[in-house]
Amino acid sequence: MPSDLRHRLVLEQIVREADEGGGFTENWVEVATLAASLRPLGGVERFESDRLTGIVTHEVALRYRPGVVPAMRFRHGARVFHVLSVIDVEERKRWLKCLCEERDL
Protein backbone atom coordinates (compact mmCIF):
# COMPACT_ATOMS: atom_id res chain seq x y z
CA MET A 1 0.00 0.00 0.00
CA PRO A 2 2.78 2.59 0.63
CA SER A 3 3.67 2.58 -3.08
CA ASP A 4 0.07 3.57 -3.91
CA LEU A 5 0.31 6.82 -1.92
CA ARG A 6 1.08 8.90 -5.02
CA HIS A 7 -1.43 11.72 -4.59
CA ARG A 8 -0.80 14.80 -2.44
CA LEU A 9 -4.16 15.63 -0.86
CA VAL A 10 -4.94 18.58 1.39
CA LEU A 11 -7.04 17.65 4.42
CA GLU A 12 -9.39 20.49 5.39
CA GLN A 13 -11.85 21.15 8.19
CA ILE A 14 -14.60 23.72 8.45
CA VAL A 15 -14.23 26.60 10.89
CA ARG A 16 -17.15 28.77 11.96
CA GLU A 17 -16.44 32.35 12.91
CA ALA A 18 -18.97 34.66 14.55
CA ASP A 19 -19.90 37.75 12.59
CA GLU A 20 -21.14 41.11 13.87
CA GLY A 21 -24.77 40.30 13.05
CA GLY A 22 -25.07 37.43 15.54
CA GLY A 23 -24.56 34.78 12.87
CA PHE A 24 -21.44 33.08 11.62
CA THR A 25 -19.45 32.44 8.47
CA GLU A 26 -17.95 29.11 7.49
CA ASN A 27 -14.49 28.74 5.98
CA TRP A 28 -12.48 25.66 5.09
CA VAL A 29 -8.96 25.69 6.56
CA GLU A 30 -6.04 23.40 5.80
CA VAL A 31 -5.15 20.85 8.46
CA ALA A 32 -2.37 18.97 6.63
CA THR A 33 -1.03 17.90 3.24
CA LEU A 34 -0.90 14.11 3.08
CA ALA A 35 0.29 11.36 0.76
CA ALA A 36 -2.70 9.18 -0.15
CA SER A 37 -4.15 6.90 -2.78
CA LEU A 38 -7.27 8.06 -4.58
CA ARG A 39 -9.43 5.38 -6.19
CA PRO A 40 -12.80 5.94 -7.88
CA LEU A 41 -15.52 3.50 -6.81
CA GLY A 42 -18.50 4.53 -8.91
CA GLY A 43 -20.91 7.25 -9.76
CA VAL A 44 -24.56 8.16 -10.11
CA GLU A 45 -26.61 10.95 -11.57
CA ARG A 46 -29.41 12.64 -9.65
CA PHE A 47 -31.51 15.78 -9.75
CA GLU A 48 -30.52 18.57 -7.36
CA SER A 49 -32.05 22.02 -7.52
CA ASP A 50 -33.83 21.19 -10.78
CA ARG A 51 -30.67 20.13 -12.58
CA LEU A 52 -28.92 16.84 -13.25
CA THR A 53 -25.83 16.40 -11.08
CA GLY A 54 -23.18 13.70 -11.28
CA ILE A 55 -21.90 12.26 -8.01
CA VAL A 56 -18.69 10.25 -7.98
CA THR A 57 -17.58 8.26 -4.97
CA HIS A 58 -13.95 7.57 -4.14
CA GLU A 59 -11.88 5.70 -1.61
CA VAL A 60 -8.99 7.63 -0.11
CA ALA A 61 -6.38 5.51 1.68
CA LEU A 62 -3.68 7.07 3.86
CA ARG A 63 -1.45 6.32 6.80
CA TYR A 64 -3.29 6.47 10.11
CA ARG A 65 -3.89 9.96 11.40
CA PRO A 66 -5.99 10.64 14.51
CA GLY A 67 -8.78 13.16 14.23
CA VAL A 68 -9.92 12.48 10.66
CA VAL A 69 -13.74 12.61 10.78
CA PRO A 70 -16.66 12.77 8.31
CA ALA A 71 -17.01 16.55 8.80
CA MET A 72 -13.74 17.02 6.86
CA ARG A 73 -12.81 17.01 3.20
CA PHE A 74 -9.81 16.35 0.97
CA ARG A 75 -8.79 18.70 -1.83
CA HIS A 76 -6.69 17.74 -4.85
CA GLY A 77 -6.22 20.87 -6.94
CA ALA A 78 -9.70 22.05 -7.92
CA ARG A 79 -11.28 18.71 -6.98
CA VAL A 80 -13.00 18.32 -3.59
CA PHE A 81 -13.79 15.03 -1.80
CA HIS A 82 -16.15 15.24 1.19
CA VAL A 83 -15.52 12.50 3.75
CA LEU A 84 -18.59 10.30 4.34
CA SER A 85 -16.97 7.66 6.57
CA VAL A 86 -13.58 6.84 8.08
CA ILE A 87 -12.39 3.27 8.64
CA ASP A 88 -9.38 2.24 10.75
CA VAL A 89 -8.25 -0.73 8.63
CA GLU A 90 -8.04 -3.86 10.82
CA GLU A 91 -8.33 -1.49 13.83
CA ARG A 92 -4.53 -1.39 14.12
CA LYS A 93 -4.00 2.39 13.80
CA ARG A 94 -1.79 1.91 10.75
CA TRP A 95 -4.05 2.78 7.80
CA LEU A 96 -7.24 4.76 7.22
CA LYS A 97 -9.71 4.30 4.41
CA CYS A 98 -12.08 7.19 3.83
CA LEU A 99 -15.15 6.83 1.66
CA CYS A 100 -15.69 10.18 -0.03
CA GLU A 101 -18.05 11.94 -2.39
CA GLU A 102 -16.59 14.25 -5.03
CA ARG A 103 -18.40 17.59 -5.20
CA ASP A 104 -17.96 20.94 -6.86
CA LEU A 105 -16.22 23.72 -4.96
C-alpha atoms as a PDB file:
ATOM      1  CA  MET A   1       0.000   0.000   0.000  1.00  0.00           C
ATOM      2  CA  PRO A   2       2.776   2.587   0.632  1.00  0.00           C
ATOM      3  CA  SER A   3       3.667   2.576  -3.083  1.00  0.00           C
ATOM      4  CA  ASP A   4       0.067   3.571  -3.914  1.00  0.00           C
ATOM      5  CA  LEU A   5       0.310   6.816  -1.925  1.00  0.00           C
ATOM      6  CA  ARG A   6       1.085   8.901  -5.015  1.00  0.00           C
ATOM      7  CA  HIS A   7      -1.435  11.716  -4.585  1.00  0.00           C
ATOM      8  CA  ARG A   8      -0.803  14.803  -2.445  1.00  0.00           C
ATOM      9  CA  LEU A   9      -4.163  15.627  -0.863  1.00  0.00           C
ATOM     10  CA  VAL A  10      -4.938  18.575   1.386  1.00  0.00           C
ATOM     11  CA  LEU A  11      -7.037  17.652   4.418  1.00  0.00           C
ATOM     12  CA  GLU A  12      -9.387  20.489   5.394  1.00  0.00           C
ATOM     13  CA  GLN A  13     -11.846  21.153   8.192  1.00  0.00           C
ATOM     14  CA  ILE A  14     -14.597  23.718   8.450  1.00  0.00           C
ATOM     15  CA  VAL A  15     -14.233  26.601  10.887  1.00  0.00           C
ATOM     16  CA  ARG A  16     -17.155  28.765  11.957  1.00  0.00           C
ATOM     17  CA  GLU A  17     -16.436  32.353  12.907  1.00  0.00           C
ATOM     18  CA  ALA A  18     -18.967  34.658  14.552  1.00  0.00           C
ATOM     19  CA  ASP A  19     -19.898  37.754  12.595  1.00  0.00           C
ATOM     20  CA  GLU A  20     -21.145  41.106  13.867  1.00  0.00           C
ATOM     21  CA  GLY A  21     -24.771  40.298  13.051  1.00  0.00           C
ATOM     22  CA  GLY A  22     -25.067  37.426  15.537  1.00  0.00           C
ATOM     23  CA  GLY A  23     -24.558  34.775  12.867  1.00  0.00           C
ATOM     24  CA  PHE A  24     -21.443  33.082  11.616  1.00  0.00           C
ATOM     25  CA  THR A  25     -19.451  32.441   8.470  1.00  0.00           C
ATOM     26  CA  GLU A  26     -17.951  29.109   7.491  1.00  0.00           C
ATOM     27  CA  ASN A  27     -14.487  28.736   5.979  1.00  0.00           C
ATOM     28  CA  TRP A  28     -12.479  25.656   5.088  1.00  0.00           C
ATOM     29  CA  VAL A  29      -8.958  25.688   6.565  1.00  0.00           C
ATOM     30  CA  GLU A  30      -6.039  23.402   5.796  1.00  0.00           C
ATOM     31  CA  VAL A  31      -5.150  20.847   8.459  1.00  0.00           C
ATOM     32  CA  ALA A  32      -2.367  18.975   6.627  1.00  0.00           C
ATOM     33  CA  THR A  33      -1.035  17.898   3.243  1.00  0.00           C
ATOM     34  CA  LEU A  34      -0.904  14.105   3.079  1.00  0.00           C
ATOM     35  CA  ALA A  35       0.287  11.361   0.756  1.00  0.00           C
ATOM     36  CA  ALA A  36      -2.697   9.177  -0.154  1.00  0.00           C
ATOM     37  CA  SER A  37      -4.145   6.900  -2.778  1.00  0.00           C
ATOM     38  CA  LEU A  38      -7.270   8.057  -4.584  1.00  0.00           C
ATOM     39  CA  ARG A  39      -9.431   5.375  -6.191  1.00  0.00           C
ATOM     40  CA  PRO A  40     -12.803   5.936  -7.882  1.00  0.00           C
ATOM     41  CA  LEU A  41     -15.518   3.498  -6.805  1.00  0.00           C
ATOM     42  CA  GLY A  42     -18.495   4.533  -8.914  1.00  0.00           C
ATOM     43  CA  GLY A  43     -20.913   7.247  -9.764  1.00  0.00           C
ATOM     44  CA  VAL A  44     -24.564   8.157 -10.112  1.00  0.00           C
ATOM     45  CA  GLU A  45     -26.612  10.952 -11.572  1.00  0.00           C
ATOM     46  CA  ARG A  46     -29.414  12.643  -9.645  1.00  0.00           C
ATOM     47  CA  PHE A  47     -31.511  15.781  -9.748  1.00  0.00           C
ATOM     48  CA  GLU A  48     -30.516  18.567  -7.363  1.00  0.00           C
ATOM     49  CA  SER A  49     -32.054  22.022  -7.515  1.00  0.00           C
ATOM     50  CA  ASP A  50     -33.834  21.187 -10.784  1.00  0.00           C
ATOM     51  CA  ARG A  51     -30.671  20.134 -12.580  1.00  0.00           C
ATOM     52  CA  LEU A  52     -28.923  16.844 -13.248  1.00  0.00           C
ATOM     53  CA  THR A  53     -25.832  16.400 -11.079  1.00  0.00           C
ATOM     54  CA  GLY A  54     -23.180  13.699 -11.282  1.00  0.00           C
ATOM     55  CA  ILE A  55     -21.905  12.265  -8.006  1.00  0.00           C
ATOM     56  CA  VAL A  56     -18.690  10.247  -7.981  1.00  0.00           C
ATOM     57  CA  THR A  57     -17.576   8.256  -4.967  1.00  0.00           C
ATOM     58  CA  HIS A  58     -13.953   7.567  -4.140  1.00  0.00           C
ATOM     59  CA  GLU A  59     -11.881   5.703  -1.613  1.00  0.00           C
ATOM     60  CA  VAL A  60      -8.987   7.634  -0.110  1.00  0.00           C
ATOM     61  CA  ALA A  61      -6.376   5.508   1.679  1.00  0.00           C
ATOM     62  CA  LEU A  62      -3.679   7.066   3.856  1.00  0.00           C
ATOM     63  CA  ARG A  63      -1.450   6.323   6.804  1.00  0.00           C
ATOM     64  CA  TYR A  64      -3.292   6.466  10.113  1.00  0.00           C
ATOM     65  CA  ARG A  65      -3.890   9.960  11.400  1.00  0.00           C
ATOM     66  CA  PRO A  66      -5.989  10.635  14.506  1.00  0.00           C
ATOM     67  CA  GLY A  67      -8.778  13.161  14.233  1.00  0.00           C
ATOM     68  CA  VAL A  68      -9.923  12.479  10.656  1.00  0.00           C
ATOM     69  CA  VAL A  69     -13.741  12.615  10.775  1.00  0.00           C
ATOM     70  CA  PRO A  70     -16.656  12.768   8.309  1.00  0.00           C
ATOM     71  CA  ALA A  71     -17.010  16.546   8.800  1.00  0.00           C
ATOM     72  CA  MET A  72     -13.735  17.018   6.862  1.00  0.00           C
ATOM     73  CA  ARG A  73     -12.811  17.006   3.202  1.00  0.00           C
ATOM     74  CA  PHE A  74      -9.815  16.346   0.966  1.00  0.00           C
ATOM     75  CA  ARG A  75      -8.790  18.701  -1.826  1.00  0.00           C
ATOM     76  CA  HIS A  76      -6.693  17.744  -4.851  1.00  0.00           C
ATOM     77  CA  GLY A  77      -6.215  20.874  -6.942  1.00  0.00           C
ATOM     78  CA  ALA A  78      -9.703  22.052  -7.919  1.00  0.00           C
ATOM     79  CA  ARG A  79     -11.277  18.707  -6.976  1.00  0.00           C
ATOM     80  CA  VAL A  80     -13.001  18.317  -3.591  1.00  0.00           C
ATOM     81  CA  PHE A  81     -13.790  15.030  -1.804  1.00  0.00           C
ATOM     82  CA  HIS A  82     -16.145  15.243   1.191  1.00  0.00           C
ATOM     83  CA  VAL A  83     -15.518  12.495   3.752  1.00  0.00           C
ATOM     84  CA  LEU A  84     -18.590  10.303   4.338  1.00  0.00           C
ATOM     85  CA  SER A  85     -16.974   7.663   6.573  1.00  0.00           C
ATOM     86  CA  VAL A  86     -13.580   6.840   8.077  1.00  0.00           C
ATOM     87  CA  ILE A  87     -12.394   3.266   8.644  1.00  0.00           C
ATOM     88  CA  ASP A  88      -9.383   2.244  10.753  1.00  0.00           C
ATOM     89  CA  VAL A  89      -8.246  -0.729   8.633  1.00  0.00           C
ATOM     90  CA  GLU A  90      -8.037  -3.862  10.824  1.00  0.00           C
ATOM     91  CA  GLU A  91      -8.329  -1.494  13.831  1.00  0.00           C
ATOM     92  CA  ARG A  92      -4.532  -1.389  14.121  1.00  0.00           C
ATOM     93  CA  LYS A  93      -3.999   2.388  13.801  1.00  0.00           C
ATOM     94  CA  ARG A  94      -1.789   1.906  10.748  1.00  0.00           C
ATOM     95  CA  TRP A  95      -4.054   2.779   7.802  1.00  0.00           C
ATOM     96  CA  LEU A  96      -7.236   4.757   7.221  1.00  0.00           C
ATOM     97  CA  LYS A  97      -9.713   4.304   4.413  1.00  0.00           C
ATOM     98  CA  CYS A  98     -12.080   7.191   3.835  1.00  0.00           C
ATOM     99  CA  LEU A  99     -15.151   6.832   1.659  1.00  0.00           C
ATOM    100  CA  CYS A 100     -15.694  10.184  -0.032  1.00  0.00           C
ATOM    101  CA  GLU A 101     -18.045  11.943  -2.390  1.00  0.00           C
ATOM    102  CA  GLU A 102     -16.593  14.255  -5.029  1.00  0.00           C
ATOM    103  CA  ARG A 103     -18.402  17.590  -5.203  1.00  0.00           C
ATOM    104  CA  ASP A 104     -17.961  20.939  -6.862  1.00  0.00           C
ATOM    105  CA  LEU A 105     -16.218  23.717  -4.959  1.00  0.00           C
END
